[in-house]
Amino acid sequence: MLPKKLAPMLFGLLLSGIMSLLVSGISTWRAAGLGPGFAATWAGAWLMAWPVAFPAVLLAAPLARRAVERLVRGR
């Protein structure tokens, strides 16, 4: 079991992995179609996207959290 203090980083890792997998899959499908080699092309796109998505999620999460707090405060 991991320490609870790592929960936000683990959440970001999983969220960025799932979202980059979905977005790269849709983008690959739109750009290259579902022909031969689709899975390999998708995997390559995902492996390039995830290392960008993970720090982006870690940086964006506090900003998004603050924006949500301001939008729902007092309602």
N, C-alpha and C. Protein backbone atom coordinates (compact mmCIF):
# COMPACT_ATOMS: atom_id res chain seq x y z
N MET A 1 0.83 -1.18 0.00
CA MET A 1 0.00 0.00 0.00
C MET A 1 0.87 1.25 0.00
N LEU A 2 0.45 2.23 -0.75
CA LEU A 2 1.17 3.50 -0.81
C LEU A 2 0.70 4.43 0.30
N PRO A 3 1.55 5.35 0.73
CA PRO A 3 1.12 6.33 1.73
C PRO A 3 0.04 7.25 1.17
N LYS A 4 -0.87 7.67 2.06
CA LYS A 4 -1.99 8.52 1.65
C LYS A 4 -1.53 9.84 1.03
N LYS A 5 -0.37 10.34 1.43
CA LYS A 5 0.11 11.62 0.89
C LYS A 5 0.40 11.55 -0.61
N LEU A 6 0.57 10.34 -1.15
CA LEU A 6 0.81 10.17 -2.58
C LEU A 6 -0.49 10.11 -3.39
N ALA A 7 -1.63 10.14 -2.72
CA ALA A 7 -2.92 10.00 -3.42
C ALA A 7 -3.12 11.03 -4.53
N PRO A 8 -2.84 12.32 -4.32
CA PRO A 8 -3.04 13.27 -5.42
C PRO A 8 -2.16 12.98 -6.64
N MET A 9 -0.92 12.56 -6.41
CA MET A 9 -0.03 12.25 -7.53
C MET A 9 -0.49 10.98 -8.25
N LEU A 10 -0.91 9.97 -7.50
CA LEU A 10 -1.41 8.74 -8.10
C LEU A 10 -2.70 9.02 -8.89
N PHE A 11 -3.56 9.86 -8.33
CA PHE A 11 -4.78 10.24 -9.04
C PHE A 11 -4.42 10.91 -10.36
N GLY A 12 -3.47 11.84 -10.33
CA GLY A 12 -3.04 12.52 -11.55
C GLY A 12 -2.43 11.56 -12.57
N LEU A 13 -1.67 10.60 -12.08
CA LEU A 13 -1.06 9.61 -12.97
C LEU A 13 -2.14 8.78 -13.68
N LEU A 14 -3.10 8.29 -12.90
CA LEU A 14 -4.17 7.48 -13.49
C LEU A 14 -5.06 8.30 -14.41
N LEU A 15 -5.46 9.48 -13.97
CA LEU A 15 -6.32 10.34 -14.79
C LEU A 15 -5.63 10.71 -16.09
N SER A 16 -4.38 11.11 -16.03
CA SER A 16 -3.67 11.50 -17.24
C SER A 16 -3.47 10.30 -18.17
N GLY A 17 -3.24 9.13 -17.60
CA GLY A 17 -3.09 7.94 -18.42
C GLY A 17 -4.37 7.59 -19.15
N ILE A 18 -5.48 7.61 -18.45
CA ILE A 18 -6.78 7.29 -19.06
C ILE A 18 -7.16 8.33 -20.10
N MET A 19 -7.04 9.59 -19.76
CA MET A 19 -7.46 10.64 -20.69
C MET A 19 -6.55 10.69 -21.93
N SER A 20 -5.25 10.54 -21.73
CA SER A 20 -4.35 10.56 -22.89
C SER A 20 -4.57 9.33 -23.76
N LEU A 21 -4.92 8.19 -23.16
CA LEU A 21 -5.23 6.99 -23.93
C LEU A 21 -6.45 7.23 -24.81
N LEU A 22 -7.50 7.80 -24.23
CA LEU A 22 -8.72 8.07 -24.99
C LEU A 22 -8.51 9.10 -26.09
N VAL A 23 -7.89 10.22 -25.74
CA VAL A 23 -7.70 11.30 -26.71
C VAL A 23 -6.76 10.87 -27.83
N SER A 24 -5.68 10.18 -27.50
CA SER A 24 -4.76 9.74 -28.55
C SER A 24 -5.42 8.69 -29.44
N GLY A 25 -6.28 7.86 -28.87
CA GLY A 25 -6.99 6.88 -29.68
C GLY A 25 -7.95 7.53 -30.66
N ILE A 26 -8.70 8.50 -30.20
CA ILE A 26 -9.63 9.21 -31.08
C ILE A 26 -8.87 9.99 -32.15
N SER A 27 -7.80 10.66 -31.74
CA SER A 27 -7.00 11.43 -32.70
C SER A 27 -6.35 10.53 -33.74
N THR A 28 -5.83 9.39 -33.30
CA THR A 28 -5.21 8.45 -34.23
C THR A 28 -6.25 7.90 -35.19
N TRP A 29 -7.40 7.55 -34.68
CA TRP A 29 -8.49 7.04 -35.52
C TRP A 29 -8.88 8.06 -36.58
N ARG A 30 -9.02 9.34 -36.16
CA ARG A 30 -9.41 10.39 -37.10
C ARG A 30 -8.33 10.65 -38.15
N ALA A 31 -7.08 10.59 -37.72
CA ALA A 31 -5.98 10.91 -38.64
C ALA A 31 -5.59 9.75 -39.55
N ALA A 32 -5.62 8.53 -39.02
CA ALA A 32 -5.09 7.39 -39.78
C ALA A 32 -6.12 6.34 -40.12
N GLY A 33 -7.28 6.40 -39.49
CA GLY A 33 -8.29 5.38 -39.72
C GLY A 33 -8.00 4.11 -38.94
N LEU A 34 -8.92 3.15 -39.07
CA LEU A 34 -8.80 1.91 -38.32
C LEU A 34 -8.14 0.79 -39.12
N GLY A 35 -7.25 1.14 -40.01
CA GLY A 35 -6.60 0.15 -40.86
C GLY A 35 -5.50 -0.61 -40.15
N PRO A 36 -4.74 -1.33 -40.95
CA PRO A 36 -3.60 -2.09 -40.39
C PRO A 36 -2.62 -1.15 -39.70
N GLY A 37 -2.12 -1.60 -38.59
CA GLY A 37 -1.15 -0.81 -37.84
C GLY A 37 -1.77 0.21 -36.91
N PHE A 38 -3.11 0.24 -36.83
CA PHE A 38 -3.77 1.23 -35.97
C PHE A 38 -3.32 1.11 -34.52
N ALA A 39 -3.32 -0.12 -33.99
CA ALA A 39 -2.97 -0.31 -32.58
C ALA A 39 -1.55 0.16 -32.28
N ALA A 40 -0.62 -0.14 -33.16
CA ALA A 40 0.77 0.27 -32.93
C ALA A 40 0.91 1.78 -33.02
N THR A 41 0.21 2.38 -33.98
CA THR A 41 0.26 3.84 -34.12
C THR A 41 -0.36 4.50 -32.90
N TRP A 42 -1.49 3.96 -32.44
CA TRP A 42 -2.16 4.49 -31.25
C TRP A 42 -1.26 4.37 -30.03
N ALA A 43 -0.64 3.20 -29.85
CA ALA A 43 0.24 3.00 -28.70
C ALA A 43 1.41 3.99 -28.73
N GLY A 44 1.97 4.22 -29.91
CA GLY A 44 3.07 5.18 -30.02
C GLY A 44 2.62 6.60 -29.69
N ALA A 45 1.44 6.96 -30.16
CA ALA A 45 0.90 8.29 -29.86
C ALA A 45 0.63 8.44 -28.36
N TRP A 46 0.09 7.38 -27.76
CA TRP A 46 -0.23 7.43 -26.33
C TRP A 46 1.05 7.54 -25.50
N LEU A 47 2.07 6.78 -25.87
CA LEU A 47 3.32 6.82 -25.11
C LEU A 47 4.03 8.16 -25.21
N MET A 48 3.74 8.91 -26.27
CA MET A 48 4.28 10.27 -26.37
C MET A 48 3.40 11.27 -25.62
N ALA A 49 2.10 11.01 -25.58
CA ALA A 49 1.16 11.96 -24.95
C ALA A 49 1.16 11.88 -23.43
N TRP A 50 1.29 10.68 -22.89
CA TRP A 50 1.16 10.53 -21.44
C TRP A 50 2.21 11.31 -20.66
N PRO A 51 3.49 11.29 -21.05
CA PRO A 51 4.47 12.08 -20.30
C PRO A 51 4.21 13.59 -20.35
N VAL A 52 3.47 14.04 -21.33
CA VAL A 52 3.09 15.46 -21.38
C VAL A 52 1.84 15.67 -20.53
N ALA A 53 0.90 14.74 -20.61
CA ALA A 53 -0.36 14.87 -19.89
C ALA A 53 -0.19 14.82 -18.38
N PHE A 54 0.70 13.98 -17.89
CA PHE A 54 0.85 13.83 -16.43
C PHE A 54 1.26 15.12 -15.74
N PRO A 55 2.34 15.77 -16.15
CA PRO A 55 2.66 17.05 -15.48
C PRO A 55 1.61 18.12 -15.75
N ALA A 56 0.98 18.07 -16.92
CA ALA A 56 -0.08 19.05 -17.20
C ALA A 56 -1.23 18.90 -16.22
N VAL A 57 -1.61 17.66 -15.91
CA VAL A 57 -2.67 17.41 -14.94
C VAL A 57 -2.24 17.89 -13.56
N LEU A 58 -1.00 17.61 -13.17
CA LEU A 58 -0.53 18.04 -11.85
C LEU A 58 -0.52 19.56 -11.73
N LEU A 59 -0.21 20.25 -12.82
CA LEU A 59 -0.20 21.72 -12.80
C LEU A 59 -1.61 22.30 -12.90
N ALA A 60 -2.46 21.68 -13.68
CA ALA A 60 -3.80 22.21 -13.92
C ALA A 60 -4.77 21.89 -12.79
N ALA A 61 -4.58 20.81 -12.08
CA ALA A 61 -5.53 20.39 -11.04
C ALA A 61 -5.76 21.45 -9.97
N PRO A 62 -4.72 22.06 -9.40
CA PRO A 62 -4.98 23.09 -8.39
C PRO A 62 -5.74 24.29 -8.96
N LEU A 63 -5.44 24.66 -10.20
CA LEU A 63 -6.16 25.77 -10.83
C LEU A 63 -7.62 25.42 -11.04
N ALA A 64 -7.87 24.22 -11.51
CA ALA A 64 -9.25 23.77 -11.72
C ALA A 64 -9.99 23.67 -10.39
N ARG A 65 -9.33 23.19 -9.36
CA ARG A 65 -9.94 23.07 -8.04
C ARG A 65 -10.35 24.44 -7.51
N ARG A 66 -9.47 25.42 -7.66
CA ARG A 66 -9.79 26.79 -7.21
C ARG A 66 -10.93 27.38 -8.02
N ALA A 67 -10.94 27.15 -9.33
CA ALA A 67 -12.02 27.67 -10.18
C ALA A 67 -13.36 27.05 -9.76
N VAL A 68 -13.37 25.77 -9.48
CA VAL A 68 -14.61 25.10 -9.04
C VAL A 68 -15.07 25.67 -7.71
N GLU A 69 -14.13 25.88 -6.78
CA GLU A 69 -14.49 26.45 -5.48
C GLU A 69 -15.14 27.82 -5.64
N ARG A 70 -14.62 28.63 -6.54
CA ARG A 70 -15.20 29.96 -6.77
C ARG A 70 -16.57 29.87 -7.44
N LEU A 71 -16.75 28.90 -8.31
CA LEU A 71 -18.02 28.77 -9.02
C LEU A 71 -19.14 28.23 -8.13
N VAL A 72 -18.81 27.44 -7.13
CA VAL A 72 -19.85 26.83 -6.30
C VAL A 72 -19.96 27.44 -4.90
N ARG A 73 -19.12 28.34 -4.56
CA ARG A 73 -19.13 28.94 -3.22
C ARG A 73 -20.46 29.64 -2.96
N GLY A 74 -21.06 29.32 -1.83
CA GLY A 74 -22.27 30.01 -1.41
C GLY A 74 -23.53 29.66 -2.19
N ARG A 75 -23.49 28.62 -2.95
CA ARG A 75 -24.69 28.26 -3.73
C ARG A 75 -25.32 27.02 -3.19
